Amino acid sequence: MAPFRDRRDAGRKLAQKLSAYAGHPDVIVLALPRGGVPVAYEVALALSAPLDIFIVRKLGLPGHEELALGAIASGGVRVLNEDIVHAFHIPEVVIDAVARRELQELERRERAYRGDHLRPEVRDRTVILIDDGLATGASMRAAVAGLRVQDPARIVVAVPTAALETCKAIQTEVDDIVCATTPEPFYGVGRWYEDFSQTTDEEVRVLLEESAKQLLHQ
């Protein structure tokens, strides 16, 4: 049987391992949408911390989208995979065109999820970055790099399940990491959830609104 019923259940279990961060006014929880949001909702609730989103979009090489040139993250931060860029002699104009297109989609999603609310200020804060799991960790790495340039005091990555090697690799890039379970062999994130159905845009919006209301009433 899978260790987690669904993402909300995983979030409640992950929150227990993050209890040291509870009640600290400088803590903010940022979720990688969409799957990270139900997990992060439960963590934010347990820690009495604000919840927001941090969106990452892969920059795929045109015609070979599985090849990641890099990624862009919330705030328009661009992180390039220099090895791929150099190996394939990809000109700046191509990277710019791909980045422009993905930035439009990133901004569309931010508007859809956050509405008129401003992007949160993370400078000098402890940021807990959450997803529903880590397989290769590419999106999380881009998120960490994108967040780092905004000068948070600490970056903490927290996931319910992860490939052990990925957890170890990301550990060197952040201030703290919590991988609640690291099953071997890993197989993939969905394997460790009984219900791994896709999180919808509407669910993301509702959970962000609900989290903000809960925080007001605490």
N, C-alpha and C. Protein backbone atom coordinates (compact mmCIF):
# COMPACT_ATOMS: atom_id res chain seq x y z
N MET A 1 0.83 -1.20 0.00
CA MET A 1 0.00 0.00 0.00
C MET A 1 0.87 1.26 0.00
N ALA A 2 0.44 2.28 -0.75
CA ALA A 2 1.20 3.53 -0.82
C ALA A 2 1.19 4.25 0.53
N PRO A 3 2.28 4.94 0.88
CA PRO A 3 2.33 5.63 2.18
C PRO A 3 1.38 6.83 2.30
N PHE A 4 0.92 7.37 1.15
CA PHE A 4 0.05 8.54 1.19
C PHE A 4 -1.27 8.26 0.47
N ARG A 5 -2.37 8.66 1.11
CA ARG A 5 -3.69 8.49 0.47
C ARG A 5 -3.80 9.43 -0.72
N ASP A 6 -3.46 10.68 -0.48
CA ASP A 6 -3.51 11.71 -1.54
C ASP A 6 -2.57 12.83 -1.13
N ARG A 7 -2.57 13.92 -1.88
CA ARG A 7 -1.62 15.00 -1.61
C ARG A 7 -1.89 15.71 -0.28
N ARG A 8 -3.15 15.84 0.09
CA ARG A 8 -3.46 16.49 1.37
C ARG A 8 -2.93 15.65 2.54
N ASP A 9 -3.12 14.34 2.44
CA ASP A 9 -2.61 13.41 3.46
C ASP A 9 -1.08 13.52 3.53
N ALA A 10 -0.44 13.58 2.36
CA ALA A 10 1.01 13.71 2.31
C ALA A 10 1.46 15.01 2.97
N GLY A 11 0.70 16.09 2.75
CA GLY A 11 1.03 17.38 3.35
C GLY A 11 0.96 17.34 4.87
N ARG A 12 -0.06 16.66 5.39
CA ARG A 12 -0.19 16.55 6.85
C ARG A 12 1.00 15.79 7.45
N LYS A 13 1.42 14.74 6.76
CA LYS A 13 2.55 13.94 7.26
C LYS A 13 3.87 14.70 7.12
N LEU A 14 4.00 15.44 6.03
CA LEU A 14 5.21 16.24 5.83
C LEU A 14 5.30 17.35 6.88
N ALA A 15 4.16 17.92 7.22
CA ALA A 15 4.13 19.02 8.21
C ALA A 15 4.71 18.59 9.55
N GLN A 16 4.50 17.33 9.91
CA GLN A 16 5.03 16.83 11.19
C GLN A 16 6.56 16.91 11.22
N LYS A 17 7.17 16.75 10.05
CA LYS A 17 8.64 16.78 9.98
C LYS A 17 9.18 18.21 9.85
N LEU A 18 8.26 19.17 9.74
CA LEU A 18 8.67 20.57 9.62
C LEU A 18 8.25 21.38 10.85
N SER A 19 7.92 20.69 11.92
CA SER A 19 7.36 21.36 13.11
C SER A 19 8.30 22.41 13.70
N ALA A 20 9.60 22.27 13.47
CA ALA A 20 10.58 23.25 13.99
C ALA A 20 10.35 24.64 13.40
N TYR A 21 9.65 24.70 12.24
CA TYR A 21 9.41 25.99 11.58
C TYR A 21 8.06 26.60 11.96
N ALA A 22 7.31 25.94 12.83
CA ALA A 22 5.97 26.41 13.19
C ALA A 22 6.03 27.71 13.98
N GLY A 23 5.11 28.62 13.66
CA GLY A 23 4.94 29.83 14.45
C GLY A 23 6.02 30.88 14.27
N HIS A 24 6.93 30.70 13.32
CA HIS A 24 7.97 31.71 13.08
C HIS A 24 7.44 32.74 12.08
N PRO A 25 7.42 34.02 12.45
CA PRO A 25 6.81 35.04 11.59
C PRO A 25 7.53 35.24 10.25
N ASP A 26 8.80 34.82 10.15
CA ASP A 26 9.53 35.04 8.90
C ASP A 26 9.35 33.90 7.90
N VAL A 27 8.62 32.84 8.27
CA VAL A 27 8.47 31.67 7.39
C VAL A 27 7.35 31.89 6.37
N ILE A 28 7.62 31.54 5.12
CA ILE A 28 6.58 31.54 4.08
C ILE A 28 6.69 30.22 3.33
N VAL A 29 5.54 29.65 2.99
CA VAL A 29 5.50 28.38 2.26
C VAL A 29 5.17 28.68 0.80
N LEU A 30 6.03 28.23 -0.11
CA LEU A 30 5.79 28.40 -1.55
C LEU A 30 5.65 27.04 -2.21
N ALA A 31 4.56 26.87 -2.97
CA ALA A 31 4.28 25.60 -3.63
C ALA A 31 4.59 25.68 -5.11
N LEU A 32 5.09 24.57 -5.66
CA LEU A 32 5.23 24.45 -7.12
C LEU A 32 3.91 23.91 -7.64
N PRO A 33 3.17 24.75 -8.40
CA PRO A 33 1.87 24.29 -8.91
C PRO A 33 2.08 23.29 -10.05
N ARG A 34 1.09 22.41 -10.25
CA ARG A 34 -0.13 22.41 -9.48
C ARG A 34 -0.04 21.42 -8.31
N GLY A 35 0.65 20.29 -8.55
CA GLY A 35 0.63 19.20 -7.57
C GLY A 35 1.17 19.54 -6.20
N GLY A 36 2.05 20.55 -6.13
CA GLY A 36 2.62 20.91 -4.84
C GLY A 36 1.67 21.69 -3.94
N VAL A 37 0.60 22.24 -4.53
CA VAL A 37 -0.27 23.15 -3.77
C VAL A 37 -1.07 22.44 -2.67
N PRO A 38 -1.75 21.30 -2.94
CA PRO A 38 -2.48 20.64 -1.85
C PRO A 38 -1.55 20.18 -0.72
N VAL A 39 -0.33 19.78 -1.07
CA VAL A 39 0.65 19.38 -0.06
C VAL A 39 1.02 20.60 0.79
N ALA A 40 1.35 21.69 0.11
CA ALA A 40 1.80 22.91 0.78
C ALA A 40 0.69 23.54 1.62
N TYR A 41 -0.55 23.39 1.17
CA TYR A 41 -1.69 23.93 1.92
C TYR A 41 -1.71 23.38 3.34
N GLU A 42 -1.55 22.06 3.45
CA GLU A 42 -1.57 21.42 4.77
C GLU A 42 -0.37 21.82 5.62
N VAL A 43 0.78 21.99 4.96
CA VAL A 43 1.98 22.40 5.68
C VAL A 43 1.81 23.83 6.21
N ALA A 44 1.33 24.72 5.35
CA ALA A 44 1.14 26.12 5.76
C ALA A 44 0.15 26.22 6.93
N LEU A 45 -0.89 25.41 6.85
CA LEU A 45 -1.90 25.38 7.91
C LEU A 45 -1.28 24.96 9.24
N ALA A 46 -0.51 23.89 9.19
CA ALA A 46 0.12 23.36 10.41
C ALA A 46 1.16 24.30 11.00
N LEU A 47 1.85 25.04 10.12
CA LEU A 47 2.92 25.93 10.59
C LEU A 47 2.43 27.34 10.88
N SER A 48 1.13 27.62 10.61
CA SER A 48 0.58 28.98 10.72
C SER A 48 1.39 29.96 9.87
N ALA A 49 1.68 29.54 8.65
CA ALA A 49 2.50 30.35 7.75
C ALA A 49 1.70 30.70 6.49
N PRO A 50 2.01 31.83 5.86
CA PRO A 50 1.33 32.17 4.60
C PRO A 50 1.72 31.21 3.48
N LEU A 51 0.79 31.00 2.56
CA LEU A 51 1.01 30.11 1.42
C LEU A 51 0.94 30.91 0.13
N ASP A 52 1.87 30.65 -0.77
CA ASP A 52 1.81 31.24 -2.11
C ASP A 52 2.39 30.23 -3.08
N ILE A 53 2.49 30.64 -4.35
CA ILE A 53 2.99 29.74 -5.38
C ILE A 53 4.31 30.25 -5.94
N PHE A 54 5.10 29.33 -6.46
CA PHE A 54 6.33 29.69 -7.16
C PHE A 54 6.34 28.84 -8.43
N ILE A 55 6.16 29.51 -9.57
CA ILE A 55 5.98 28.77 -10.83
C ILE A 55 7.29 28.65 -11.58
N VAL A 56 7.52 27.46 -12.11
CA VAL A 56 8.71 27.19 -12.91
C VAL A 56 8.25 26.66 -14.27
N ARG A 57 8.85 27.18 -15.34
CA ARG A 57 8.56 26.67 -16.68
C ARG A 57 9.86 26.25 -17.36
N LYS A 58 9.88 25.03 -17.87
CA LYS A 58 11.06 24.52 -18.57
C LYS A 58 11.21 25.24 -19.91
N LEU A 59 12.45 25.51 -20.30
CA LEU A 59 12.75 26.06 -21.62
C LEU A 59 13.21 24.91 -22.50
N GLY A 60 12.32 24.40 -23.36
CA GLY A 60 12.65 23.27 -24.21
C GLY A 60 13.21 23.72 -25.55
N LEU A 61 14.19 22.99 -26.06
CA LEU A 61 14.77 23.31 -27.37
C LEU A 61 13.71 23.09 -28.44
N PRO A 62 13.41 24.09 -29.29
CA PRO A 62 12.39 23.94 -30.32
C PRO A 62 12.64 22.70 -31.19
N GLY A 63 11.61 21.87 -31.31
CA GLY A 63 11.74 20.63 -32.08
C GLY A 63 12.26 19.47 -31.26
N HIS A 64 12.87 19.77 -30.11
CA HIS A 64 13.38 18.73 -29.20
C HIS A 64 13.07 19.17 -27.77
N GLU A 65 11.76 19.33 -27.50
CA GLU A 65 11.34 19.95 -26.24
C GLU A 65 11.81 19.20 -24.98
N GLU A 66 12.14 17.91 -25.17
CA GLU A 66 12.59 17.14 -24.00
C GLU A 66 13.98 17.60 -23.54
N LEU A 67 14.70 18.30 -24.42
CA LEU A 67 16.01 18.85 -24.07
C LEU A 67 15.80 20.20 -23.39
N ALA A 68 16.13 20.28 -22.14
CA ALA A 68 15.91 21.52 -21.39
C ALA A 68 17.10 22.46 -21.52
N LEU A 69 16.85 23.62 -22.15
CA LEU A 69 17.88 24.66 -22.24
C LEU A 69 18.08 25.31 -20.88
N GLY A 70 17.05 25.18 -20.06
CA GLY A 70 17.05 25.82 -18.75
C GLY A 70 15.62 25.96 -18.29
N ALA A 71 15.37 26.98 -17.49
CA ALA A 71 14.02 27.20 -16.97
C ALA A 71 13.88 28.65 -16.59
N ILE A 72 12.62 29.10 -16.51
CA ILE A 72 12.36 30.41 -15.92
C ILE A 72 11.45 30.20 -14.71
N ALA A 73 11.56 31.10 -13.76
CA ALA A 73 10.80 30.98 -12.53
C ALA A 73 10.07 32.28 -12.25
N SER A 74 9.13 32.23 -11.32
CA SER A 74 8.38 33.42 -10.92
C SER A 74 9.32 34.60 -10.70
N GLY A 75 8.91 35.76 -11.22
CA GLY A 75 9.76 36.94 -11.14
C GLY A 75 10.60 37.13 -12.40
N GLY A 76 10.43 36.17 -13.36
CA GLY A 76 11.14 36.29 -14.63
C GLY A 76 12.60 35.86 -14.56
N VAL A 77 12.99 35.19 -13.49
CA VAL A 77 14.38 34.73 -13.34
C VAL A 77 14.66 33.60 -14.31
N ARG A 78 15.76 33.71 -15.05
CA ARG A 78 16.12 32.69 -16.04
C ARG A 78 17.35 31.91 -15.57
N VAL A 79 17.25 30.60 -15.61
CA VAL A 79 18.36 29.73 -15.25
C VAL A 79 18.68 28.88 -16.47
N LEU A 80 19.92 28.96 -16.97
CA LEU A 80 20.27 28.22 -18.18
C LEU A 80 21.08 26.97 -17.88
N ASN A 81 20.83 25.93 -18.67
CA ASN A 81 21.63 24.71 -18.62
C ASN A 81 22.79 24.91 -19.60
N GLU A 82 23.88 25.47 -19.09
CA GLU A 82 24.99 25.88 -19.97
C GLU A 82 25.56 24.72 -20.78
N ASP A 83 25.58 23.52 -20.20
CA ASP A 83 26.11 22.35 -20.92
C ASP A 83 25.34 22.10 -22.21
N ILE A 84 24.00 22.15 -22.12
CA ILE A 84 23.15 21.91 -23.30
C ILE A 84 23.31 23.07 -24.30
N VAL A 85 23.30 24.29 -23.79
CA VAL A 85 23.41 25.48 -24.65
C VAL A 85 24.70 25.42 -25.47
N HIS A 86 25.81 25.07 -24.82
CA HIS A 86 27.10 25.03 -25.51
C HIS A 86 27.21 23.81 -26.43
N ALA A 87 26.74 22.66 -25.95
CA ALA A 87 26.85 21.42 -26.74
C ALA A 87 26.11 21.54 -28.07
N PHE A 88 24.97 22.24 -28.06
CA PHE A 88 24.15 22.34 -29.27
C PHE A 88 24.29 23.70 -29.97
N HIS A 89 25.24 24.52 -29.46
CA HIS A 89 25.52 25.84 -30.07
C HIS A 89 24.22 26.62 -30.29
N ILE A 90 23.44 26.74 -29.22
CA ILE A 90 22.13 27.39 -29.34
C ILE A 90 22.31 28.91 -29.22
N PRO A 91 21.90 29.65 -30.26
CA PRO A 91 22.09 31.10 -30.22
C PRO A 91 21.16 31.79 -29.22
N GLU A 92 21.63 32.93 -28.76
CA GLU A 92 20.88 33.72 -27.76
C GLU A 92 19.47 34.05 -28.25
N VAL A 93 19.32 34.31 -29.54
CA VAL A 93 18.02 34.69 -30.10
C VAL A 93 16.99 33.57 -29.94
N VAL A 94 17.44 32.32 -30.05
CA VAL A 94 16.53 31.17 -29.87
C VAL A 94 16.12 31.06 -28.40
N ILE A 95 17.09 31.20 -27.51
CA ILE A 95 16.80 31.14 -26.07
C ILE A 95 15.81 32.24 -25.68
N ASP A 96 16.05 33.46 -26.22
CA ASP A 96 15.16 34.59 -25.91
C ASP A 96 13.73 34.32 -26.38
N ALA A 97 13.60 33.74 -27.58
CA ALA A 97 12.27 33.47 -28.13
C ALA A 97 11.52 32.43 -27.28
N VAL A 98 12.22 31.37 -26.89
CA VAL A 98 11.61 30.33 -26.05
C VAL A 98 11.24 30.92 -24.68
N ALA A 99 12.15 31.71 -24.13
CA ALA A 99 11.92 32.30 -22.80
C ALA A 99 10.73 33.26 -22.83
N ARG A 100 10.58 34.03 -23.92
CA ARG A 100 9.45 34.96 -24.04
C ARG A 100 8.12 34.21 -24.02
N ARG A 101 8.09 33.11 -24.80
CA ARG A 101 6.85 32.32 -24.88
C ARG A 101 6.50 31.70 -23.53
N GLU A 102 7.52 31.15 -22.87
CA GLU A 102 7.26 30.50 -21.58
C GLU A 102 6.92 31.53 -20.49
N LEU A 103 7.51 32.73 -20.61
CA LEU A 103 7.21 33.79 -19.64
C LEU A 103 5.74 34.20 -19.74
N GLN A 104 5.22 34.24 -20.96
CA GLN A 104 3.80 34.56 -21.15
C GLN A 104 2.91 33.53 -20.45
N GLU A 105 3.27 32.24 -20.60
CA GLU A 105 2.50 31.17 -19.97
C GLU A 105 2.64 31.24 -18.44
N LEU A 106 3.86 31.54 -17.98
CA LEU A 106 4.09 31.66 -16.54
C LEU A 106 3.23 32.78 -15.96
N GLU A 107 3.21 33.93 -16.64
CA GLU A 107 2.43 35.07 -16.16
C GLU A 107 0.94 34.79 -16.23
N ARG A 108 0.51 34.06 -17.27
CA ARG A 108 -0.91 33.67 -17.37
C ARG A 108 -1.31 32.82 -16.17
N ARG A 109 -0.45 31.87 -15.83
CA ARG A 109 -0.75 31.00 -14.69
C ARG A 109 -0.76 31.78 -13.38
N GLU A 110 0.18 32.70 -13.24
CA GLU A 110 0.22 33.50 -12.00
C GLU A 110 -1.08 34.30 -11.85
N ARG A 111 -1.55 34.89 -12.96
CA ARG A 111 -2.81 35.65 -12.90
C ARG A 111 -3.97 34.72 -12.57
N ALA A 112 -3.97 33.54 -13.20
CA ALA A 112 -5.06 32.59 -13.00
C ALA A 112 -5.11 32.11 -11.54
N TYR A 113 -3.95 31.90 -10.95
CA TYR A 113 -3.89 31.35 -9.59
C TYR A 113 -3.99 32.43 -8.51
N ARG A 114 -3.29 33.56 -8.75
CA ARG A 114 -3.15 34.55 -7.70
C ARG A 114 -4.11 35.73 -7.86
N GLY A 115 -4.65 35.90 -9.08
CA GLY A 115 -5.53 37.03 -9.32
C GLY A 115 -4.78 38.34 -9.23
N ASP A 116 -5.33 39.29 -8.47
CA ASP A 116 -4.71 40.61 -8.36
C ASP A 116 -3.68 40.70 -7.23
N HIS A 117 -3.53 39.61 -6.48
CA HIS A 117 -2.59 39.66 -5.35
C HIS A 117 -1.15 39.78 -5.84
N LEU A 118 -0.38 40.59 -5.16
CA LEU A 118 1.02 40.79 -5.54
C LEU A 118 1.85 39.56 -5.18
N ARG A 119 2.93 39.37 -5.92
CA ARG A 119 3.87 38.31 -5.60
C ARG A 119 4.48 38.60 -4.23
N PRO A 120 4.64 37.59 -3.38
CA PRO A 120 5.12 37.86 -2.02
C PRO A 120 6.59 38.27 -1.98
N GLU A 121 6.92 39.06 -0.99
CA GLU A 121 8.31 39.47 -0.76
C GLU A 121 9.02 38.37 0.03
N VAL A 122 10.13 37.86 -0.48
CA VAL A 122 10.82 36.76 0.21
C VAL A 122 12.17 37.17 0.79
N ARG A 123 12.61 38.38 0.49
CA ARG A 123 13.92 38.83 1.01
C ARG A 123 13.99 38.69 2.53
N ASP A 124 15.08 38.09 3.00
CA ASP A 124 15.34 37.90 4.44
C ASP A 124 14.34 36.98 5.14
N ARG A 125 13.57 36.21 4.37
CA ARG A 125 12.61 35.28 4.99
C ARG A 125 13.08 33.84 4.82
N THR A 126 12.54 32.97 5.64
CA THR A 126 12.77 31.53 5.47
C THR A 126 11.70 31.00 4.55
N VAL A 127 12.11 30.51 3.39
CA VAL A 127 11.16 30.03 2.39
C VAL A 127 11.17 28.50 2.37
N ILE A 128 10.00 27.90 2.56
CA ILE A 128 9.86 26.45 2.44
C ILE A 128 9.24 26.16 1.08
N LEU A 129 10.03 25.57 0.19
CA LEU A 129 9.60 25.25 -1.18
C LEU A 129 9.07 23.83 -1.20
N ILE A 130 7.84 23.67 -1.70
CA ILE A 130 7.19 22.36 -1.62
C ILE A 130 6.67 21.88 -2.96
N ASP A 131 6.90 20.58 -3.24
CA ASP A 131 6.27 19.92 -4.38
C ASP A 131 5.74 18.57 -3.87
N ASP A 132 5.00 17.85 -4.74
CA ASP A 132 4.44 16.57 -4.28
C ASP A 132 5.46 15.43 -4.33
N GLY A 133 6.65 15.71 -4.88
CA GLY A 133 7.70 14.71 -4.90
C GLY A 133 8.84 15.15 -5.81
N LEU A 134 9.97 14.45 -5.71
CA LEU A 134 11.13 14.76 -6.54
C LEU A 134 11.57 13.50 -7.27
N ALA A 135 11.55 13.55 -8.59
CA ALA A 135 12.09 12.45 -9.39
C ALA A 135 13.48 12.87 -9.86
N THR A 136 13.55 13.65 -10.96
CA THR A 136 14.86 14.17 -11.41
C THR A 136 15.24 15.43 -10.63
N GLY A 137 14.23 16.15 -10.14
CA GLY A 137 14.50 17.37 -9.38
C GLY A 137 14.76 18.60 -10.23
N ALA A 138 14.57 18.51 -11.55
CA ALA A 138 14.89 19.63 -12.45
C ALA A 138 14.07 20.89 -12.12
N SER A 139 12.76 20.71 -11.93
CA SER A 139 11.90 21.87 -11.62
C SER A 139 12.27 22.50 -10.28
N MET A 140 12.55 21.64 -9.30
CA MET A 140 12.91 22.16 -7.97
C MET A 140 14.23 22.91 -8.02
N ARG A 141 15.18 22.39 -8.79
CA ARG A 141 16.48 23.08 -8.91
C ARG A 141 16.30 24.46 -9.52
N ALA A 142 15.45 24.54 -10.54
CA ALA A 142 15.19 25.83 -11.19
C ALA A 142 14.51 26.77 -10.20
N ALA A 143 13.60 26.23 -9.40
CA ALA A 143 12.91 27.05 -8.40
C ALA A 143 13.91 27.58 -7.36
N VAL A 144 14.80 26.72 -6.91
CA VAL A 144 15.80 27.13 -5.91
C VAL A 144 16.69 28.24 -6.48
N ALA A 145 17.15 28.05 -7.73
CA ALA A 145 18.02 29.05 -8.36
C ALA A 145 17.26 30.36 -8.57
N GLY A 146 16.00 30.25 -8.98
CA GLY A 146 15.18 31.43 -9.19
C GLY A 146 14.89 32.19 -7.91
N LEU A 147 14.76 31.44 -6.83
CA LEU A 147 14.47 32.03 -5.53
C LEU A 147 15.71 32.66 -4.92
N ARG A 148 16.85 32.01 -5.14
CA ARG A 148 18.10 32.45 -4.53
C ARG A 148 18.42 33.90 -4.85
N VAL A 149 18.14 34.34 -6.09
CA VAL A 149 18.47 35.72 -6.48
C VAL A 149 17.57 36.75 -5.81
N GLN A 150 16.51 36.28 -5.13
CA GLN A 150 15.62 37.21 -4.43
C GLN A 150 16.02 37.38 -2.96
N ASP A 151 17.17 36.81 -2.60
CA ASP A 151 17.79 37.01 -1.27
C ASP A 151 16.96 36.57 -0.06
N PRO A 152 16.39 35.36 -0.09
CA PRO A 152 15.77 34.87 1.15
C PRO A 152 16.85 34.55 2.18
N ALA A 153 16.48 34.55 3.45
CA ALA A 153 17.45 34.21 4.50
C ALA A 153 17.83 32.74 4.42
N ARG A 154 16.80 31.89 4.21
CA ARG A 154 17.03 30.44 4.11
C ARG A 154 16.08 29.84 3.08
N ILE A 155 16.56 28.83 2.38
CA ILE A 155 15.69 28.06 1.48
C ILE A 155 15.63 26.63 1.99
N VAL A 156 14.41 26.19 2.24
CA VAL A 156 14.17 24.82 2.71
C VAL A 156 13.34 24.11 1.65
N VAL A 157 13.79 22.98 1.15
CA VAL A 157 13.00 22.17 0.23
C VAL A 157 12.34 21.05 1.02
N ALA A 158 11.04 20.86 0.80
CA ALA A 158 10.33 19.82 1.54
C ALA A 158 9.37 19.08 0.60
N VAL A 159 9.48 17.75 0.57
CA VAL A 159 8.62 16.92 -0.27
C VAL A 159 8.23 15.64 0.48
N PRO A 160 7.05 15.10 0.17
CA PRO A 160 6.64 13.85 0.82
C PRO A 160 7.46 12.65 0.39
N THR A 161 7.90 12.64 -0.87
CA THR A 161 8.65 11.48 -1.38
C THR A 161 9.64 11.93 -2.43
N ALA A 162 10.77 11.23 -2.50
CA ALA A 162 11.83 11.61 -3.44
C ALA A 162 12.73 10.43 -3.74
N ALA A 163 13.35 10.49 -4.92
CA ALA A 163 14.43 9.56 -5.23
C ALA A 163 15.61 9.95 -4.33
N LEU A 164 16.21 8.98 -3.67
CA LEU A 164 17.27 9.25 -2.70
C LEU A 164 18.41 10.07 -3.30
N GLU A 165 18.87 9.70 -4.49
CA GLU A 165 19.98 10.41 -5.13
C GLU A 165 19.62 11.88 -5.40
N THR A 166 18.37 12.12 -5.81
CA THR A 166 17.93 13.50 -6.08
C THR A 166 17.91 14.31 -4.79
N CYS A 167 17.42 13.68 -3.74
CA CYS A 167 17.37 14.34 -2.42
C CYS A 167 18.78 14.73 -1.98
N LYS A 168 19.71 13.81 -2.15
CA LYS A 168 21.11 14.08 -1.76
C LYS A 168 21.72 15.19 -2.61
N ALA A 169 21.42 15.17 -3.92
CA ALA A 169 21.99 16.18 -4.83
C ALA A 169 21.49 17.58 -4.50
N ILE A 170 20.20 17.71 -4.23
CA ILE A 170 19.62 19.03 -3.95
C ILE A 170 20.04 19.54 -2.57
N GLN A 171 20.36 18.62 -1.68
CA GLN A 171 20.80 18.97 -0.33
C GLN A 171 21.97 19.95 -0.36
N THR A 172 22.84 19.83 -1.36
CA THR A 172 24.02 20.70 -1.44
C THR A 172 23.67 22.11 -1.91
N GLU A 173 22.45 22.30 -2.41
CA GLU A 173 22.07 23.59 -3.01
C GLU A 173 21.16 24.43 -2.10
N VAL A 174 20.74 23.85 -0.98
CA VAL A 174 19.77 24.54 -0.11
C VAL A 174 20.25 24.54 1.34
N ASP A 175 19.54 25.27 2.18
CA ASP A 175 19.94 25.36 3.59
C ASP A 175 19.43 24.18 4.41
N ASP A 176 18.32 23.61 3.96
CA ASP A 176 17.76 22.44 4.64
C ASP A 176 16.88 21.70 3.64
N ILE A 177 16.79 20.39 3.77
CA ILE A 177 15.90 19.62 2.90
C ILE A 177 15.23 18.53 3.72
N VAL A 178 13.93 18.36 3.49
CA VAL A 178 13.17 17.30 4.15
C VAL A 178 12.51 16.45 3.08
N CYS A 179 13.02 15.25 2.89
CA CYS A 179 12.39 14.27 2.01
C CYS A 179 11.78 13.23 2.95
N ALA A 180 10.46 13.30 3.14
CA ALA A 180 9.80 12.48 4.16
C ALA A 180 10.00 10.99 3.92
N THR A 181 9.95 10.56 2.66
CA THR A 181 10.23 9.16 2.33
C THR A 181 11.14 9.12 1.10
N THR A 182 12.08 8.19 1.11
CA THR A 182 12.98 8.00 -0.05
C THR A 182 13.00 6.51 -0.40
N PRO A 183 11.89 5.99 -0.94
CA PRO A 183 11.80 4.56 -1.22
C PRO A 183 12.77 4.13 -2.32
N GLU A 184 13.29 2.93 -2.18
CA GLU A 184 14.18 2.35 -3.20
C GLU A 184 13.63 0.99 -3.63
N PRO A 185 13.51 0.71 -4.93
CA PRO A 185 13.67 1.64 -6.05
C PRO A 185 12.52 2.64 -6.09
N PHE A 186 12.76 3.78 -6.71
CA PHE A 186 11.80 4.89 -6.61
C PHE A 186 10.61 4.76 -7.57
N TYR A 187 10.85 4.39 -8.79
CA TYR A 187 9.81 4.21 -9.83
C TYR A 187 9.18 5.52 -10.34
N GLY A 188 8.92 6.47 -9.48
CA GLY A 188 8.23 7.70 -9.88
C GLY A 188 7.36 8.20 -8.75
N VAL A 189 7.07 9.50 -8.74
CA VAL A 189 6.34 10.13 -7.64
C VAL A 189 4.96 9.50 -7.43
N GLY A 190 4.21 9.31 -8.52
CA GLY A 190 2.84 8.81 -8.43
C GLY A 190 2.70 7.45 -7.79
N ARG A 191 3.77 6.67 -7.83
CA ARG A 191 3.75 5.31 -7.27
C ARG A 191 3.46 5.31 -5.77
N TRP A 192 3.75 6.39 -5.10
CA TRP A 192 3.66 6.44 -3.63
C TRP A 192 2.39 7.13 -3.12
N TYR A 193 1.45 7.36 -4.04
CA TYR A 193 0.15 7.92 -3.69
C TYR A 193 -0.95 6.96 -4.14
N GLU A 194 -1.94 6.74 -3.27
CA GLU A 194 -3.10 5.96 -3.69
C GLU A 194 -3.91 6.74 -4.71
N ASP A 195 -4.07 8.04 -4.46
CA ASP A 195 -4.78 8.92 -5.40
C ASP A 195 -3.80 9.99 -5.87
N PHE A 196 -3.40 9.90 -7.15
CA PHE A 196 -2.46 10.87 -7.70
C PHE A 196 -3.10 11.59 -8.89
N SER A 197 -4.43 11.79 -8.80
CA SER A 197 -5.13 12.46 -9.89
C SER A 197 -4.67 13.91 -9.98
N GLN A 198 -4.75 14.45 -11.18
CA GLN A 198 -4.20 15.79 -11.44
C GLN A 198 -4.92 16.87 -10.64
N THR A 199 -4.15 17.78 -10.07
CA THR A 199 -4.70 18.94 -9.38
C THR A 199 -5.13 19.95 -10.45
N THR A 200 -6.33 20.50 -10.31
CA THR A 200 -6.84 21.44 -11.32
C THR A 200 -6.47 22.89 -10.96
N ASP A 201 -6.56 23.76 -11.96
CA ASP A 201 -6.35 25.20 -11.72
C ASP A 201 -7.31 25.72 -10.66
N GLU A 202 -8.55 25.24 -10.73
CA GLU A 202 -9.57 25.69 -9.78
C GLU A 202 -9.20 25.29 -8.35
N GLU A 203 -8.72 24.06 -8.17
CA GLU A 203 -8.29 23.61 -6.84
C GLU A 203 -7.18 24.50 -6.30
N VAL A 204 -6.24 24.86 -7.18
CA VAL A 204 -5.13 25.73 -6.77
C VAL A 204 -5.68 27.06 -6.27
N ARG A 205 -6.57 27.67 -7.03
CA ARG A 205 -7.17 28.96 -6.64
C ARG A 205 -7.89 28.86 -5.30
N VAL A 206 -8.70 27.82 -5.17
CA VAL A 206 -9.50 27.65 -3.94
C VAL A 206 -8.59 27.46 -2.72
N LEU A 207 -7.56 26.65 -2.86
CA LEU A 207 -6.66 26.39 -1.73
C LEU A 207 -5.87 27.63 -1.33
N LEU A 208 -5.45 28.43 -2.30
CA LEU A 208 -4.74 29.67 -1.98
C LEU A 208 -5.65 30.64 -1.23
N GLU A 209 -6.90 30.75 -1.69
CA GLU A 209 -7.87 31.63 -1.02
C GLU A 209 -8.19 31.13 0.39
N GLU A 210 -8.39 29.82 0.49
CA GLU A 210 -8.73 29.21 1.78
C GLU A 210 -7.58 29.40 2.78
N SER A 211 -6.36 29.25 2.30
CA SER A 211 -5.19 29.40 3.17
C SER A 211 -5.10 30.84 3.70
N ALA A 212 -5.35 31.81 2.83
CA ALA A 212 -5.31 33.22 3.25
C ALA A 212 -6.37 33.50 4.32
N LYS A 213 -7.56 32.91 4.13
CA LYS A 213 -8.64 33.10 5.13
C LYS A 213 -8.27 32.47 6.46
N GLN A 214 -7.70 31.26 6.41
CA GLN A 214 -7.32 30.56 7.65
C GLN A 214 -6.31 31.38 8.44
N LEU A 215 -5.38 31.99 7.72
CA LEU A 215 -4.32 32.77 8.37
C LEU A 215 -4.91 34.00 9.07
N LEU A 216 -5.91 34.62 8.44
CA LEU A 216 -6.58 35.78 9.04
C LEU A 216 -7.28 35.44 10.35
N HIS A 217 -7.79 34.20 10.42
CA HIS A 217 -8.58 33.80 11.58
C HIS A 217 -7.75 33.18 12.70
N GLN A 218 -6.45 33.10 12.49
CA GLN A 218 -5.60 32.48 13.53
C GLN A 218 -5.23 33.49 14.58
